[in-house]
PDB file of N, CA and C in Angstrom:
ATOM      1  N   UNK A   1      91.447  98.253 -45.033  1.00  0.00           N
ATOM      2  CA  UNK A   1      91.980  97.055 -45.639  1.00  0.00           C
ATOM      3  C   UNK A   1      92.539  96.140 -44.557  1.00  0.00           C
ATOM      4  N   UNK A   2      92.460  94.867 -44.805  1.00  0.00           N
ATOM      5  CA  UNK A   2      92.924  93.889 -43.837  1.00  0.00           C
ATOM      6  C   UNK A   2      94.450  93.906 -43.760  1.00  0.00           C
ATOM      7  N   UNK A   3      94.952  93.639 -42.573  1.00  0.00           N
ATOM      8  CA  UNK A   3      96.393  93.542 -42.412  1.00  0.00           C
ATOM      9  C   UNK A   3      96.844  92.169 -42.883  1.00  0.00           C
ATOM     10  N   UNK A   4      97.480  92.123 -44.022  1.00  0.00           N
ATOM     11  CA  UNK A   4      97.951  90.874 -44.581  1.00  0.00           C
ATOM     12  C   UNK A   4      99.405  91.053 -44.960  1.00  0.00           C
ATOM     13  N   UNK A   5     100.194  90.092 -44.589  1.00  0.00           N
ATOM     14  CA  UNK A   5     101.594  90.144 -44.962  1.00  0.00           C
ATOM     15  C   UNK A   5     101.753  89.447 -46.306  1.00  0.00           C
ATOM     16  N   UNK A   6     102.169  90.204 -47.306  1.00  0.00           N
ATOM     17  CA  UNK A   6     102.315  89.669 -48.653  1.00  0.00           C
ATOM     18  C   UNK A   6     103.689  89.041 -48.808  1.00  0.00           C
ATOM     19  N   UNK A   7     103.737  87.970 -49.564  1.00  0.00           N
ATOM     20  CA  UNK A   7     105.007  87.333 -49.888  1.00  0.00           C
ATOM     21  C   UNK A   7     105.678  88.153 -50.976  1.00  0.00           C
ATOM     22  N   UNK A   8     107.004  88.120 -51.039  1.00  0.00           N
ATOM     23  CA  UNK A   8     107.705  88.903 -52.073  1.00  0.00           C
ATOM     24  C   UNK A   8     107.235  88.591 -53.486  1.00  0.00           C
ATOM     25  N   UNK A   9     106.891  87.336 -53.760  1.00  0.00           N
ATOM     26  CA  UNK A   9     106.403  86.982 -55.104  1.00  0.00           C
ATOM     27  C   UNK A   9     105.087  87.691 -55.403  1.00  0.00           C
ATOM     28  N   UNK A  10     104.224  87.769 -54.393  1.00  0.00           N
ATOM     29  CA  UNK A  10     102.943  88.462 -54.570  1.00  0.00           C
ATOM     30  C   UNK A  10     103.170  89.955 -54.779  1.00  0.00           C
ATOM     31  N   UNK A  11     104.140  90.504 -54.079  1.00  0.00           N
ATOM     32  CA  UNK A  11     104.442  91.935 -54.203  1.00  0.00           C
ATOM     33  C   UNK A  11     104.871  92.257 -55.629  1.00  0.00           C
ATOM     34  N   UNK A  12     105.809  91.462 -56.159  1.00  0.00           N
ATOM     35  CA  UNK A  12     106.283  91.695 -57.532  1.00  0.00           C
ATOM     36  C   UNK A  12     105.128  91.554 -58.516  1.00  0.00           C
ATOM     37  N   UNK A  13     104.256  90.584 -58.283  1.00  0.00           N
ATOM     38  CA  UNK A  13     103.101  90.380 -59.163  1.00  0.00           C
ATOM     39  C   UNK A  13     102.166  91.592 -59.117  1.00  0.00           C
ATOM     40  N   UNK A  14     101.891  92.108 -57.938  1.00  0.00           N
ATOM     41  CA  UNK A  14     100.998  93.269 -57.826  1.00  0.00           C
ATOM     42  C   UNK A  14     101.624  94.514 -58.450  1.00  0.00           C
ATOM     43  N   UNK A  15     102.927  94.688 -58.289  1.00  0.00           N
ATOM     44  CA  UNK A  15     103.596  95.820 -58.929  1.00  0.00           C
ATOM     45  C   UNK A  15     103.462  95.729 -60.449  1.00  0.00           C
ATOM     46  N   UNK A  16     103.596  94.531 -60.981  1.00  0.00           N
ATOM     47  CA  UNK A  16     103.449  94.342 -62.425  1.00  0.00           C
ATOM     48  C   UNK A  16     102.017  94.601 -62.870  1.00  0.00           C
ATOM     49  N   UNK A  17     101.047  94.181 -62.055  1.00  0.00           N
ATOM     50  CA  UNK A  17      99.641  94.422 -62.391  1.00  0.00           C
ATOM     51  C   UNK A  17      99.374  95.918 -62.493  1.00  0.00           C
ATOM     52  N   UNK A  18      99.914  96.674 -61.553  1.00  0.00           N
ATOM     53  CA  UNK A  18      99.722  98.130 -61.592  1.00  0.00           C
ATOM     54  C   UNK A  18     100.345  98.696 -62.858  1.00  0.00           C
ATOM     55  N   UNK A  19     101.551  98.242 -63.209  1.00  0.00           N
ATOM     56  CA  UNK A  19     102.204  98.728 -64.428  1.00  0.00           C
ATOM     57  C   UNK A  19     101.380  98.416 -65.675  1.00  0.00           C
ATOM     58  N   UNK A  20     100.795  97.223 -65.722  1.00  0.00           N
ATOM     59  CA  UNK A  20      99.970  96.836 -66.874  1.00  0.00           C
ATOM     60  C   UNK A  20      98.737  97.719 -66.960  1.00  0.00           C
ATOM     61  N   UNK A  21      98.080  97.929 -65.824  1.00  0.00           N
ATOM     62  CA  UNK A  21      96.870  98.758 -65.816  1.00  0.00           C
ATOM     63  C   UNK A  21      97.183 100.198 -66.215  1.00  0.00           C
ATOM     64  N   UNK A  22      98.296 100.718 -65.740  1.00  0.00           N
ATOM     65  CA  UNK A  22      98.687 102.079 -66.118  1.00  0.00           C
ATOM     66  C   UNK A  22      99.014 102.120 -67.609  1.00  0.00           C
ATOM     67  N   UNK A  23      99.648 101.075 -68.112  1.00  0.00           N
ATOM     68  CA  UNK A  23      99.952 100.987 -69.544  1.00  0.00           C
ATOM     69  C   UNK A  23      98.700 100.933 -70.403  1.00  0.00           C
ATOM     70  N   UNK A  24      97.621 100.409 -69.843  1.00  0.00           N
ATOM     71  CA  UNK A  24      96.354 100.336 -70.569  1.00  0.00           C
ATOM     72  C   UNK A  24      95.564 101.630 -70.471  1.00  0.00           C
ATOM     73  N   UNK A  25      96.108 102.607 -69.778  1.00  0.00           N
ATOM     74  CA  UNK A  25      95.467 103.915 -69.742  1.00  0.00           C
ATOM     75  C   UNK A  25      94.782 104.260 -68.437  1.00  0.00           C
ATOM     76  N   UNK A  26      94.821 103.391 -67.456  1.00  0.00           N
ATOM     77  CA  UNK A  26      94.189 103.689 -66.162  1.00  0.00           C
ATOM     78  C   UNK A  26      95.067 104.657 -65.377  1.00  0.00           C
ATOM     79  N   UNK A  27      94.447 105.444 -64.544  1.00  0.00           N
ATOM     80  CA  UNK A  27      95.211 106.332 -63.675  1.00  0.00           C
ATOM     81  C   UNK A  27      95.943 105.476 -62.643  1.00  0.00           C
ATOM     82  N   UNK A  28      97.133 105.915 -62.270  1.00  0.00           N
ATOM     83  CA  UNK A  28      97.937 105.140 -61.330  1.00  0.00           C
ATOM     84  C   UNK A  28      97.204 104.903 -60.016  1.00  0.00           C
ATOM     85  N   UNK A  29      96.518 105.912 -59.501  1.00  0.00           N
ATOM     86  CA  UNK A  29      95.784 105.772 -58.239  1.00  0.00           C
ATOM     87  C   UNK A  29      94.690 104.717 -58.366  1.00  0.00           C
ATOM     88  N   UNK A  30      93.973 104.735 -59.477  1.00  0.00           N
ATOM     89  CA  UNK A  30      92.922 103.735 -59.694  1.00  0.00           C
ATOM     90  C   UNK A  30      93.508 102.333 -59.841  1.00  0.00           C
ATOM     91  N   UNK A  31      94.640 102.226 -60.525  1.00  0.00           N
ATOM     92  CA  UNK A  31      95.287 100.925 -60.698  1.00  0.00           C
ATOM     93  C   UNK A  31      95.744 100.372 -59.351  1.00  0.00           C
ATOM     94  N   UNK A  32      96.271 101.232 -58.500  1.00  0.00           N
ATOM     95  CA  UNK A  32      96.714 100.807 -57.162  1.00  0.00           C
ATOM     96  C   UNK A  32      95.527 100.318 -56.353  1.00  0.00           C
ATOM     97  N   UNK A  33      94.437 101.043 -56.411  1.00  0.00           N
ATOM     98  CA  UNK A  33      93.236 100.625 -55.678  1.00  0.00           C
ATOM     99  C   UNK A  33      92.693  99.304 -56.216  1.00  0.00           C
ATOM    100  N   UNK A  34      92.816  99.090 -57.524  1.00  0.00           N
ATOM    101  CA  UNK A  34      92.278  97.876 -58.121  1.00  0.00           C
ATOM    102  C   UNK A  34      93.016  96.621 -57.645  1.00  0.00           C
ATOM    103  N   UNK A  35      94.303  96.753 -57.347  1.00  0.00           N
ATOM    104  CA  UNK A  35      95.049  95.597 -56.822  1.00  0.00           C
ATOM    105  C   UNK A  35      94.959  95.519 -55.299  1.00  0.00           C
ATOM    106  N   UNK A  36      94.143  96.397 -54.719  1.00  0.00           N
ATOM    107  CA  UNK A  36      93.791  96.384 -53.293  1.00  0.00           C
ATOM    108  C   UNK A  36      94.968  96.607 -52.353  1.00  0.00           C
ATOM    109  N   UNK A  37      95.746  97.650 -52.654  1.00  0.00           N
ATOM    110  CA  UNK A  37      96.790  98.102 -51.739  1.00  0.00           C
ATOM    111  C   UNK A  37      96.695  99.613 -51.641  1.00  0.00           C
ATOM    112  N   UNK A  38      97.342 100.183 -50.651  1.00  0.00           N
ATOM    113  CA  UNK A  38      97.331 101.636 -50.497  1.00  0.00           C
ATOM    114  C   UNK A  38      98.459 102.246 -51.333  1.00  0.00           C
ATOM    115  N   UNK A  39      98.334 103.536 -51.567  1.00  0.00           N
ATOM    116  CA  UNK A  39      99.382 104.230 -52.327  1.00  0.00           C
ATOM    117  C   UNK A  39     100.718 104.151 -51.607  1.00  0.00           C
ATOM    118  N   UNK A  40     100.672 104.347 -50.298  1.00  0.00           N
ATOM    119  CA  UNK A  40     101.902 104.309 -49.508  1.00  0.00           C
ATOM    120  C   UNK A  40     102.585 102.947 -49.639  1.00  0.00           C
ATOM    121  N   UNK A  41     101.798 101.881 -49.571  1.00  0.00           N
ATOM    122  CA  UNK A  41     102.337 100.537 -49.718  1.00  0.00           C
ATOM    123  C   UNK A  41     102.940 100.356 -51.105  1.00  0.00           C
ATOM    124  N   UNK A  42     102.237 100.831 -52.122  1.00  0.00           N
ATOM    125  CA  UNK A  42     102.724 100.702 -53.498  1.00  0.00           C
ATOM    126  C   UNK A  42     104.092 101.364 -53.660  1.00  0.00           C
ATOM    127  N   UNK A  43     104.212 102.593 -53.184  1.00  0.00           N
ATOM    128  CA  UNK A  43     105.469 103.303 -53.369  1.00  0.00           C
ATOM    129  C   UNK A  43     106.590 102.709 -52.522  1.00  0.00           C
ATOM    130  N   UNK A  44     106.272 102.186 -51.340  1.00  0.00           N
ATOM    131  CA  UNK A  44     107.279 101.510 -50.514  1.00  0.00           C
ATOM    132  C   UNK A  44     107.751 100.234 -51.208  1.00  0.00           C
ATOM    133  N   UNK A  45     106.804  99.465 -51.739  1.00  0.00           N
ATOM    134  CA  UNK A  45     107.158  98.237 -52.452  1.00  0.00           C
ATOM    135  C   UNK A  45     107.961  98.551 -53.704  1.00  0.00           C
ATOM    136  N   UNK A  46     107.540  99.581 -54.419  1.00  0.00           N
ATOM    137  CA  UNK A  46     108.238  99.933 -55.651  1.00  0.00           C
ATOM    138  C   UNK A  46     109.679 100.335 -55.361  1.00  0.00           C
ATOM    139  N   UNK A  47     109.890 101.013 -54.250  1.00  0.00           N
ATOM    140  CA  UNK A  47     111.236 101.409 -53.860  1.00  0.00           C
ATOM    141  C   UNK A  47     112.080 100.181 -53.536  1.00  0.00           C
ATOM    142  N   UNK A  48     111.481  99.199 -52.883  1.00  0.00           N
ATOM    143  CA  UNK A  48     112.220  98.017 -52.462  1.00  0.00           C
ATOM    144  C   UNK A  48     112.339  96.974 -53.569  1.00  0.00           C
ATOM    145  N   UNK A  49     111.244  96.703 -54.285  1.00  0.00           N
ATOM    146  CA  UNK A  49     111.212  95.608 -55.246  1.00  0.00           C
ATOM    147  C   UNK A  49     111.093  96.052 -56.697  1.00  0.00           C
ATOM    148  N   UNK A  50     111.058  97.329 -56.951  1.00  0.00           N
ATOM    149  CA  UNK A  50     110.824  97.828 -58.300  1.00  0.00           C
ATOM    150  C   UNK A  50     111.833  97.315 -59.308  1.00  0.00           C
ATOM    151  N   UNK A  51     111.334  96.824 -60.421  1.00  0.00           N
ATOM    152  CA  UNK A  51     112.201  96.354 -61.492  1.00  0.00           C
ATOM    153  C   UNK A  51     112.784  94.974 -61.265  1.00  0.00           C
ATOM    154  N   UNK A  52     112.387  94.318 -60.175  1.00  0.00           N
ATOM    155  CA  UNK A  52     112.918  93.005 -59.868  1.00  0.00           C
ATOM    156  C   UNK A  52     112.109  91.923 -60.565  1.00  0.00           C
ATOM    157  N   UNK A  53     112.795  90.957 -61.103  1.00  0.00           N
ATOM    158  CA  UNK A  53     112.132  89.801 -61.684  1.00  0.00           C
ATOM    159  C   UNK A  53     112.106  88.669 -60.671  1.00  0.00           C
ATOM    160  N   UNK A  54     111.473  87.586 -61.022  1.00  0.00           N
ATOM    161  CA  UNK A  54     111.370  86.469 -60.084  1.00  0.00           C
ATOM    162  C   UNK A  54     112.733  85.836 -59.806  1.00  0.00           C
ATOM    163  N   UNK A  55     113.602  85.789 -60.818  1.00  0.00           N
ATOM    164  CA  UNK A  55     114.942  85.228 -60.599  1.00  0.00           C
ATOM    165  C   UNK A  55     115.733  86.078 -59.618  1.00  0.00           C
ATOM    166  N   UNK A  56     115.649  87.390 -59.793  1.00  0.00           N
ATOM    167  CA  UNK A  56     116.349  88.290 -58.879  1.00  0.00           C
ATOM    168  C   UNK A  56     115.779  88.194 -57.474  1.00  0.00           C
ATOM    169  N   UNK A  57     114.483  87.990 -57.378  1.00  0.00           N
ATOM    170  CA  UNK A  57     113.830  87.867 -56.089  1.00  0.00           C
ATOM    171  C   UNK A  57     114.296  86.608 -55.363  1.00  0.00           C
ATOM    172  N   UNK A  58     114.401  85.503 -56.089  1.00  0.00           N
ATOM    173  CA  UNK A  58     114.895  84.263 -55.494  1.00  0.00           C
ATOM    174  C   UNK A  58     116.340  84.429 -55.027  1.00  0.00           C
ATOM    175  N   UNK A  59     117.141  85.101 -55.834  1.00  0.00           N
ATOM    176  CA  UNK A  59     118.538  85.348 -55.459  1.00  0.00           C
ATOM    177  C   UNK A  59     118.618  86.232 -54.212  1.00  0.00           C
ATOM    178  N   UNK A  60     117.758  87.238 -54.129  1.00  0.00           N
ATOM    179  CA  UNK A  60     117.725  88.105 -52.955  1.00  0.00           C
ATOM    180  C   UNK A  60     117.380  87.302 -51.705  1.00  0.00           C
ATOM    181  N   UNK A  61     116.379  86.434 -51.794  1.00  0.00           N
ATOM    182  CA  UNK A  61     115.988  85.616 -50.653  1.00  0.00           C
ATOM    183  C   UNK A  61     117.117  84.676 -50.242  1.00  0.00           C
ATOM    184  N   UNK A  62     117.808  84.100 -51.230  1.00  0.00           N
ATOM    185  CA  UNK A  62     118.919  83.203 -50.932  1.00  0.00           C
ATOM    186  C   UNK A  62     120.049  83.951 -50.221  1.00  0.00           C
ATOM    187  N   UNK A  63     120.346  85.138 -50.704  1.00  0.00           N
ATOM    188  CA  UNK A  63     121.403  85.942 -50.084  1.00  0.00           C
ATOM    189  C   UNK A  63     121.034  86.386 -48.675  1.00  0.00           C
ATOM    190  N   UNK A  64     119.759  86.703 -48.450  1.00  0.00           N
ATOM    191  CA  UNK A  64     119.320  87.088 -47.108  1.00  0.00           C
ATOM    192  C   UNK A  64     119.462  85.924 -46.135  1.00  0.00           C
ATOM    193  N   UNK A  65     119.111  84.714 -46.575  1.00  0.00           N
ATOM    194  CA  UNK A  65     119.269  83.537 -45.716  1.00  0.00           C
ATOM    195  C   UNK A  65     120.739  83.283 -45.406  1.00  0.00           C
ATOM    196  N   UNK A  66     121.583  83.400 -46.430  1.00  0.00           N
ATOM    197  CA  UNK A  66     123.013  83.191 -46.224  1.00  0.00           C
ATOM    198  C   UNK A  66     123.576  84.238 -45.274  1.00  0.00           C
ATOM    199  N   UNK A  67     123.148  85.477 -45.429  1.00  0.00           N
ATOM    200  CA  UNK A  67     123.600  86.545 -44.553  1.00  0.00           C
ATOM    201  C   UNK A  67     123.202  86.271 -43.103  1.00  0.00           C
ATOM    202  N   UNK A  68     121.978  85.805 -42.911  1.00  0.00           N
ATOM    203  CA  UNK A  68     121.503  85.475 -41.566  1.00  0.00           C
ATOM    204  C   UNK A  68     122.340  84.352 -40.956  1.00  0.00           C
ATOM    205  N   UNK A  69     122.634  83.330 -41.759  1.00  0.00           N
ATOM    206  CA  UNK A  69     123.449  82.208 -41.282  1.00  0.00           C
ATOM    207  C   UNK A  69     124.850  82.669 -40.897  1.00  0.00           C
ATOM    208  N   UNK A  70     125.459  83.529 -41.725  1.00  0.00           N
ATOM    209  CA  UNK A  70     126.793  84.029 -41.446  1.00  0.00           C
ATOM    210  C   UNK A  70     126.820  84.924 -40.212  1.00  0.00           C
ATOM    211  N   UNK A  71     125.796  85.755 -40.028  1.00  0.00           N
ATOM    212  CA  UNK A  71     125.723  86.598 -38.828  1.00  0.00           C
ATOM    213  C   UNK A  71     125.659  85.741 -37.565  1.00  0.00           C
ATOM    214  N   UNK A  72     124.888  84.661 -37.634  1.00  0.00           N
ATOM    215  CA  UNK A  72     124.778  83.763 -36.484  1.00  0.00           C
ATOM    216  C   UNK A  72     126.122  83.112 -36.197  1.00  0.00           C
ATOM    217  N   UNK A  73     126.820  82.690 -37.238  1.00  0.00           N
ATOM    218  CA  UNK A  73     128.132  82.060 -37.062  1.00  0.00           C
ATOM    219  C   UNK A  73     129.115  83.032 -36.421  1.00  0.00           C
ATOM    220  N   UNK A  74     129.113  84.276 -36.877  1.00  0.00           N
ATOM    221  CA  UNK A  74     130.012  85.285 -36.314  1.00  0.00           C
ATOM    222  C   UNK A  74     129.679  85.551 -34.853  1.00  0.00           C
ATOM    223  N   UNK A  75     128.400  85.647 -34.528  1.00  0.00           N
ATOM    224  CA  UNK A  75     128.029  85.907 -33.140  1.00  0.00           C
ATOM    225  C   UNK A  75     128.413  84.727 -32.248  1.00  0.00           C
ATOM    226  N   UNK A  76     128.265  83.490 -32.743  1.00  0.00           N
ATOM    227  CA  UNK A  76     128.673  82.320 -31.967  1.00  0.00           C
ATOM    228  C   UNK A  76     130.182  82.320 -31.728  1.00  0.00           C
ATOM    229  N   UNK A  77     130.942  82.635 -32.776  1.00  0.00           N
ATOM    230  CA  UNK A  77     132.396  82.668 -32.642  1.00  0.00           C
ATOM    231  C   UNK A  77     132.838  83.786 -31.702  1.00  0.00           C
ATOM    232  N   UNK A  78     132.176  84.910 -31.748  1.00  0.00           N
ATOM    233  CA  UNK A  78     132.504  86.018 -30.853  1.00  0.00           C
ATOM    234  C   UNK A  78     132.252  85.626 -29.409  1.00  0.00           C
ATOM    235  N   UNK A  79     131.153  84.957 -29.161  1.00  0.00           N
ATOM    236  CA  UNK A  79     130.840  84.486 -27.813  1.00  0.00           C
ATOM    237  C   UNK A  79     131.884  83.484 -27.340  1.00  0.00           C
ATOM    238  N   UNK A  80     132.262  82.549 -28.204  1.00  0.00           N
ATOM    239  CA  UNK A  80     133.304  81.582 -27.853  1.00  0.00           C
ATOM    240  C   UNK A  80     134.613  82.289 -27.510  1.00  0.00           C
ATOM    241  N   UNK A  81     134.956  83.289 -28.280  1.00  0.00           N
ATOM    242  CA  UNK A  81     136.190  84.037 -28.052  1.00  0.00           C
ATOM    243  C   UNK A  81     136.157  84.731 -26.694  1.00  0.00           C
ATOM    244  N   UNK A  82     135.036  85.337 -26.351  1.00  0.00           N
ATOM    245  CA  UNK A  82     134.922  86.006 -25.055  1.00  0.00           C
ATOM    246  C   UNK A  82     135.017  85.005 -23.905  1.00  0.00           C
ATOM    247  N   UNK A  83     134.416  83.844 -24.065  1.00  0.00           N
ATOM    248  CA  UNK A  83     134.493  82.808 -23.027  1.00  0.00           C
ATOM    249  C   UNK A  83     135.931  82.348 -22.848  1.00  0.00           C
ATOM    250  N   UNK A  84     136.651  82.150 -23.940  1.00  0.00           N
ATOM    251  CA  UNK A  84     138.050  81.718 -23.857  1.00  0.00           C
ATOM    252  C   UNK A  84     138.928  82.783 -23.220  1.00  0.00           C
ATOM    253  N   UNK A  85     138.646  84.055 -23.492  1.00  0.00           N
ATOM    254  CA  UNK A  85     139.410  85.143 -22.871  1.00  0.00           C
ATOM    255  C   UNK A  85     139.223  85.130 -21.358  1.00  0.00           C
ATOM    256  N   UNK A  86     137.977  84.963 -20.922  1.00  0.00           N
ATOM    257  CA  UNK A  86     137.681  84.919 -19.499  1.00  0.00           C
ATOM    258  C   UNK A  86     138.379  83.722 -18.850  1.00  0.00           C
ATOM    259  N   UNK A  87     138.349  82.578 -19.527  1.00  0.00           N
ATOM    260  CA  UNK A  87     138.986  81.372 -18.988  1.00  0.00           C
ATOM    261  C   UNK A  87     140.505  81.548 -18.908  1.00  0.00           C
ATOM    262  N   UNK A  88     141.081  82.228 -19.903  1.00  0.00           N
ATOM    263  CA  UNK A  88     142.535  82.442 -19.919  1.00  0.00           C
ATOM    264  C   UNK A  88     142.973  83.366 -18.791  1.00  0.00           C
ATOM    265  N   UNK A  89     142.125  84.305 -18.406  1.00  0.00           N
ATOM    266  CA  UNK A  89     142.432  85.228 -17.302  1.00  0.00           C
ATOM    267  C   UNK A  89     142.276  84.541 -15.948  1.00  0.00           C
ATOM    268  N   UNK A  90     141.559  83.457 -15.940  1.00  0.00           N
ATOM    269  CA  UNK A  90     141.327  82.764 -14.687  1.00  0.00           C
ATOM    270  C   UNK A  90     140.111  83.292 -13.929  1.00  0.00           C
ATOM    271  N   UNK A  91     139.197  83.961 -14.625  1.00  0.00           N
ATOM    272  CA  UNK A  91     137.987  84.531 -13.987  1.00  0.00           C
ATOM    273  C   UNK A  91     136.779  83.636 -14.244  1.00  0.00           C
ATOM    274  N   UNK A  92     136.895  82.384 -13.956  1.00  0.00           N
ATOM    275  CA  UNK A  92     135.751  81.500 -14.211  1.00  0.00           C
ATOM    276  C   UNK A  92     135.201  80.910 -12.957  1.00  0.00           C
TER     277      UNK A  92
END
């Protein structure tokens, strides 16, 4: 299979497709193959995104962006603090 990076929306959609196919009586392995992913990928995605709706997915993405922004702010402030400490000691 080709190495393709799936977007979270596509992942949730494929997980739902597998659930629908299994609900219609298909074997889980066959349903996974029909959506063109490996079993390992399916179970990894299910562990990470299982039971998530699109609203929850959008909220997760928003929180991840906010977390990234806050981490950057903290690292910038920490660097500023270290620079000020060095300047206060007179080691510049």
